[in-house]
Every structure is written in structure tokens, then in C-alpha cells.
Amino acid sequence: MSPSIIQVWADRHSRVWVDTGRVHRESKQPIIELLNGEASGALGWVNAQFGPLQNLSLHSTNESRRAPGGTP
């Protein structure tokens, strides 16, 4: 299975914004929203209003994790 990526950003106030999976109709940018759902908007708009945004994207795979010391 291929790795999954969850797109997340932090704004200048250290609030976390998450990709909603939707695209803004005019700008074609991803729509992101605050983790608590309080605000949302196109990525460029959020960056202009609350940025600069720091990309904190998380990468996930189905590979088994190794225990400390290299033992599977």
C-alpha cells in the first residue's frame, strides 16, 4: 500500500489547519480549516490572513515499526 499524507499547517499563532479534501472553486487551491472547525478558506487566503504558514504534513505508511535496537 502506498504512503498516506495528511496535509497540515501551523499559522503564526501556532494554530493547526488541516486540508479538508475540497478545492476552492475559483483559485483551485485546497480548502483548509482550523482543527477546531472555527474557520476555513483557500490555502492562499489563509496564508495571507494568518501566515506565514508552516507545513507540518504527516506521512504514514503500513510498514511495521521497528523497536529500539533494530528488532522488528
N, C-alpha and C. Protein backbone atom coordinates (compact mmCIF):
# COMPACT_ATOMS: atom_id res chain seq x y z
N MET A 1 0.84 -1.18 0.00
CA MET A 1 0.00 0.00 0.00
C MET A 1 0.89 1.24 0.00
N SER A 2 0.49 2.26 -0.72
CA SER A 2 1.29 3.48 -0.81
C SER A 2 1.13 4.31 0.47
N PRO A 3 2.12 5.17 0.75
CA PRO A 3 2.04 6.00 1.96
C PRO A 3 0.89 7.00 1.87
N SER A 4 0.34 7.33 3.01
CA SER A 4 -0.72 8.34 3.09
C SER A 4 -0.11 9.63 3.60
N ILE A 5 -0.63 10.74 3.12
CA ILE A 5 -0.14 12.05 3.57
C ILE A 5 -1.33 12.84 4.07
N ILE A 6 -1.22 13.35 5.28
CA ILE A 6 -2.23 14.25 5.84
C ILE A 6 -1.61 15.64 5.80
N GLN A 7 -2.21 16.53 5.01
CA GLN A 7 -1.68 17.89 4.88
C GLN A 7 -2.15 18.74 6.06
N VAL A 8 -1.19 19.27 6.82
CA VAL A 8 -1.49 20.15 7.95
C VAL A 8 -0.49 21.30 7.97
N TRP A 9 -0.93 22.43 8.47
CA TRP A 9 -0.10 23.63 8.57
C TRP A 9 -0.30 24.28 9.93
N ALA A 10 0.69 25.05 10.38
CA ALA A 10 0.57 25.88 11.57
C ALA A 10 0.67 27.33 11.14
N ASP A 11 -0.17 28.18 11.72
CA ASP A 11 -0.11 29.61 11.38
C ASP A 11 0.79 30.35 12.37
N ARG A 12 0.87 31.65 12.24
CA ARG A 12 1.79 32.44 13.08
C ARG A 12 1.41 32.43 14.55
N HIS A 13 0.18 31.98 14.86
CA HIS A 13 -0.27 31.87 16.25
C HIS A 13 -0.21 30.42 16.74
N SER A 14 0.46 29.54 15.98
CA SER A 14 0.62 28.12 16.29
C SER A 14 -0.69 27.34 16.28
N ARG A 15 -1.70 27.87 15.58
CA ARG A 15 -2.95 27.12 15.41
C ARG A 15 -2.77 26.15 14.25
N VAL A 16 -3.43 25.00 14.33
CA VAL A 16 -3.27 23.94 13.33
C VAL A 16 -4.42 23.99 12.33
N TRP A 17 -4.07 23.98 11.04
CA TRP A 17 -5.01 23.97 9.92
C TRP A 17 -4.87 22.64 9.19
N VAL A 18 -5.99 22.04 8.79
CA VAL A 18 -5.99 20.72 8.16
C VAL A 18 -6.66 20.81 6.80
N ASP A 19 -6.11 20.09 5.82
CA ASP A 19 -6.71 20.01 4.48
C ASP A 19 -8.06 19.30 4.58
N THR A 20 -9.10 19.90 4.01
CA THR A 20 -10.45 19.32 4.08
C THR A 20 -10.70 18.31 2.97
N GLY A 21 -9.81 18.28 1.97
CA GLY A 21 -10.03 17.40 0.82
C GLY A 21 -10.87 18.07 -0.26
N ARG A 22 -11.30 19.30 -0.02
CA ARG A 22 -12.06 20.06 -1.02
C ARG A 22 -11.15 21.08 -1.69
N VAL A 23 -11.58 21.56 -2.86
CA VAL A 23 -10.81 22.55 -3.63
C VAL A 23 -11.67 23.79 -3.82
N HIS A 24 -11.06 24.97 -3.64
CA HIS A 24 -11.76 26.24 -3.83
C HIS A 24 -12.11 26.39 -5.31
N ARG A 25 -13.33 26.74 -5.59
CA ARG A 25 -13.84 26.79 -6.97
C ARG A 25 -13.05 27.75 -7.86
N GLU A 26 -12.77 28.96 -7.40
CA GLU A 26 -12.09 29.95 -8.24
C GLU A 26 -10.57 29.77 -8.27
N SER A 27 -9.96 29.63 -7.10
CA SER A 27 -8.49 29.59 -7.03
C SER A 27 -7.90 28.21 -7.31
N LYS A 28 -8.72 27.17 -7.24
CA LYS A 28 -8.27 25.78 -7.42
C LYS A 28 -7.27 25.35 -6.34
N GLN A 29 -7.21 26.09 -5.24
CA GLN A 29 -6.35 25.74 -4.12
C GLN A 29 -7.11 24.86 -3.13
N PRO A 30 -6.37 24.06 -2.35
CA PRO A 30 -7.05 23.26 -1.34
C PRO A 30 -7.73 24.16 -0.31
N ILE A 31 -8.86 23.73 0.20
CA ILE A 31 -9.53 24.43 1.29
C ILE A 31 -9.04 23.80 2.59
N ILE A 32 -8.56 24.65 3.49
CA ILE A 32 -8.08 24.16 4.78
C ILE A 32 -8.93 24.78 5.88
N GLU A 33 -8.98 24.12 7.03
CA GLU A 33 -9.74 24.67 8.15
C GLU A 33 -9.00 24.44 9.45
N LEU A 34 -9.31 25.31 10.41
CA LEU A 34 -8.72 25.14 11.73
C LEU A 34 -9.12 23.79 12.29
N LEU A 35 -8.25 23.19 13.05
CA LEU A 35 -8.50 21.87 13.61
C LEU A 35 -9.81 21.85 14.40
N ASN A 36 -10.16 22.96 15.04
CA ASN A 36 -11.40 23.01 15.81
C ASN A 36 -12.61 23.38 14.95
N GLY A 37 -12.41 23.59 13.64
CA GLY A 37 -13.50 23.90 12.72
C GLY A 37 -14.01 25.33 12.77
N GLU A 38 -13.32 26.19 13.50
CA GLU A 38 -13.76 27.57 13.71
C GLU A 38 -13.68 28.45 12.46
N ALA A 39 -12.75 28.14 11.56
CA ALA A 39 -12.57 28.95 10.34
C ALA A 39 -12.04 28.05 9.23
N SER A 40 -12.33 28.44 7.99
CA SER A 40 -11.80 27.71 6.84
C SER A 40 -11.67 28.66 5.66
N GLY A 41 -10.86 28.27 4.68
CA GLY A 41 -10.69 29.07 3.48
C GLY A 41 -9.65 28.44 2.58
N ALA A 42 -9.48 29.04 1.40
CA ALA A 42 -8.47 28.58 0.46
C ALA A 42 -7.07 28.78 1.07
N LEU A 43 -6.17 27.90 0.73
CA LEU A 43 -4.82 27.93 1.29
C LEU A 43 -4.17 29.31 1.16
N GLY A 44 -4.25 29.93 -0.01
CA GLY A 44 -3.65 31.25 -0.23
C GLY A 44 -4.27 32.33 0.65
N TRP A 45 -5.59 32.28 0.82
CA TRP A 45 -6.28 33.26 1.67
C TRP A 45 -5.85 33.09 3.12
N VAL A 46 -5.81 31.85 3.60
CA VAL A 46 -5.40 31.59 4.99
C VAL A 46 -3.97 32.07 5.19
N ASN A 47 -3.09 31.79 4.23
CA ASN A 47 -1.71 32.23 4.35
C ASN A 47 -1.62 33.75 4.41
N ALA A 48 -2.41 34.46 3.60
CA ALA A 48 -2.39 35.92 3.60
C ALA A 48 -2.94 36.50 4.91
N GLN A 49 -3.95 35.87 5.47
CA GLN A 49 -4.59 36.38 6.68
C GLN A 49 -3.88 35.97 7.97
N PHE A 50 -3.36 34.75 8.02
CA PHE A 50 -2.84 34.18 9.26
C PHE A 50 -1.40 33.69 9.16
N GLY A 51 -0.78 33.81 8.00
CA GLY A 51 0.55 33.27 7.75
C GLY A 51 1.66 34.13 8.27
N PRO A 52 2.86 33.70 8.01
CA PRO A 52 3.19 32.62 7.10
C PRO A 52 2.85 31.26 7.70
N LEU A 53 2.38 30.35 6.83
CA LEU A 53 2.04 29.01 7.27
C LEU A 53 3.28 28.13 7.25
N GLN A 54 3.38 27.26 8.22
CA GLN A 54 4.46 26.26 8.28
C GLN A 54 3.84 24.91 7.98
N ASN A 55 4.37 24.21 6.97
CA ASN A 55 3.85 22.91 6.59
C ASN A 55 4.28 21.87 7.61
N LEU A 56 3.30 21.21 8.22
CA LEU A 56 3.56 20.17 9.23
C LEU A 56 3.06 18.82 8.75
N SER A 57 2.96 18.61 7.45
CA SER A 57 2.33 17.42 6.89
C SER A 57 2.89 16.14 7.50
N LEU A 58 1.99 15.20 7.75
CA LEU A 58 2.33 13.93 8.37
C LEU A 58 2.32 12.84 7.31
N HIS A 59 3.33 12.01 7.33
CA HIS A 59 3.44 10.90 6.39
C HIS A 59 3.21 9.60 7.15
N SER A 60 2.40 8.73 6.60
CA SER A 60 2.08 7.47 7.26
C SER A 60 2.26 6.33 6.27
N THR A 61 2.78 5.20 6.74
CA THR A 61 2.90 4.01 5.91
C THR A 61 2.39 2.82 6.69
N ASN A 62 2.15 1.72 5.99
CA ASN A 62 1.70 0.50 6.62
C ASN A 62 2.87 -0.39 7.05
N GLU A 63 4.08 0.05 6.83
CA GLU A 63 5.25 -0.74 7.21
C GLU A 63 5.29 -0.89 8.72
N SER A 64 5.70 -2.07 9.17
CA SER A 64 5.80 -2.28 10.62
C SER A 64 6.91 -1.41 11.18
N ARG A 65 6.70 -0.91 12.35
CA ARG A 65 7.68 -0.06 13.02
C ARG A 65 8.72 -0.94 13.70
N ARG A 66 9.95 -0.50 13.70
CA ARG A 66 11.00 -1.27 14.37
C ARG A 66 11.10 -0.81 15.82
N ALA A 67 11.32 -1.75 16.68
CA ALA A 67 11.52 -1.46 18.09
C ALA A 67 12.94 -0.90 18.28
N PRO A 68 13.18 -0.17 19.37
CA PRO A 68 14.53 0.34 19.62
C PRO A 68 15.53 -0.81 19.58
N GLY A 69 16.67 -0.57 18.97
CA GLY A 69 17.69 -1.59 18.84
C GLY A 69 17.62 -2.31 17.50
N GLY A 70 16.65 -1.95 16.65
CA GLY A 70 16.57 -2.51 15.31
C GLY A 70 15.81 -3.81 15.20
N THR A 71 15.18 -4.29 16.26
CA THR A 71 14.41 -5.54 16.18
C THR A 71 13.03 -5.27 15.67
N PRO A 72 12.57 -6.00 14.64
CA PRO A 72 11.23 -5.77 14.09
C PRO A 72 10.14 -6.13 15.07
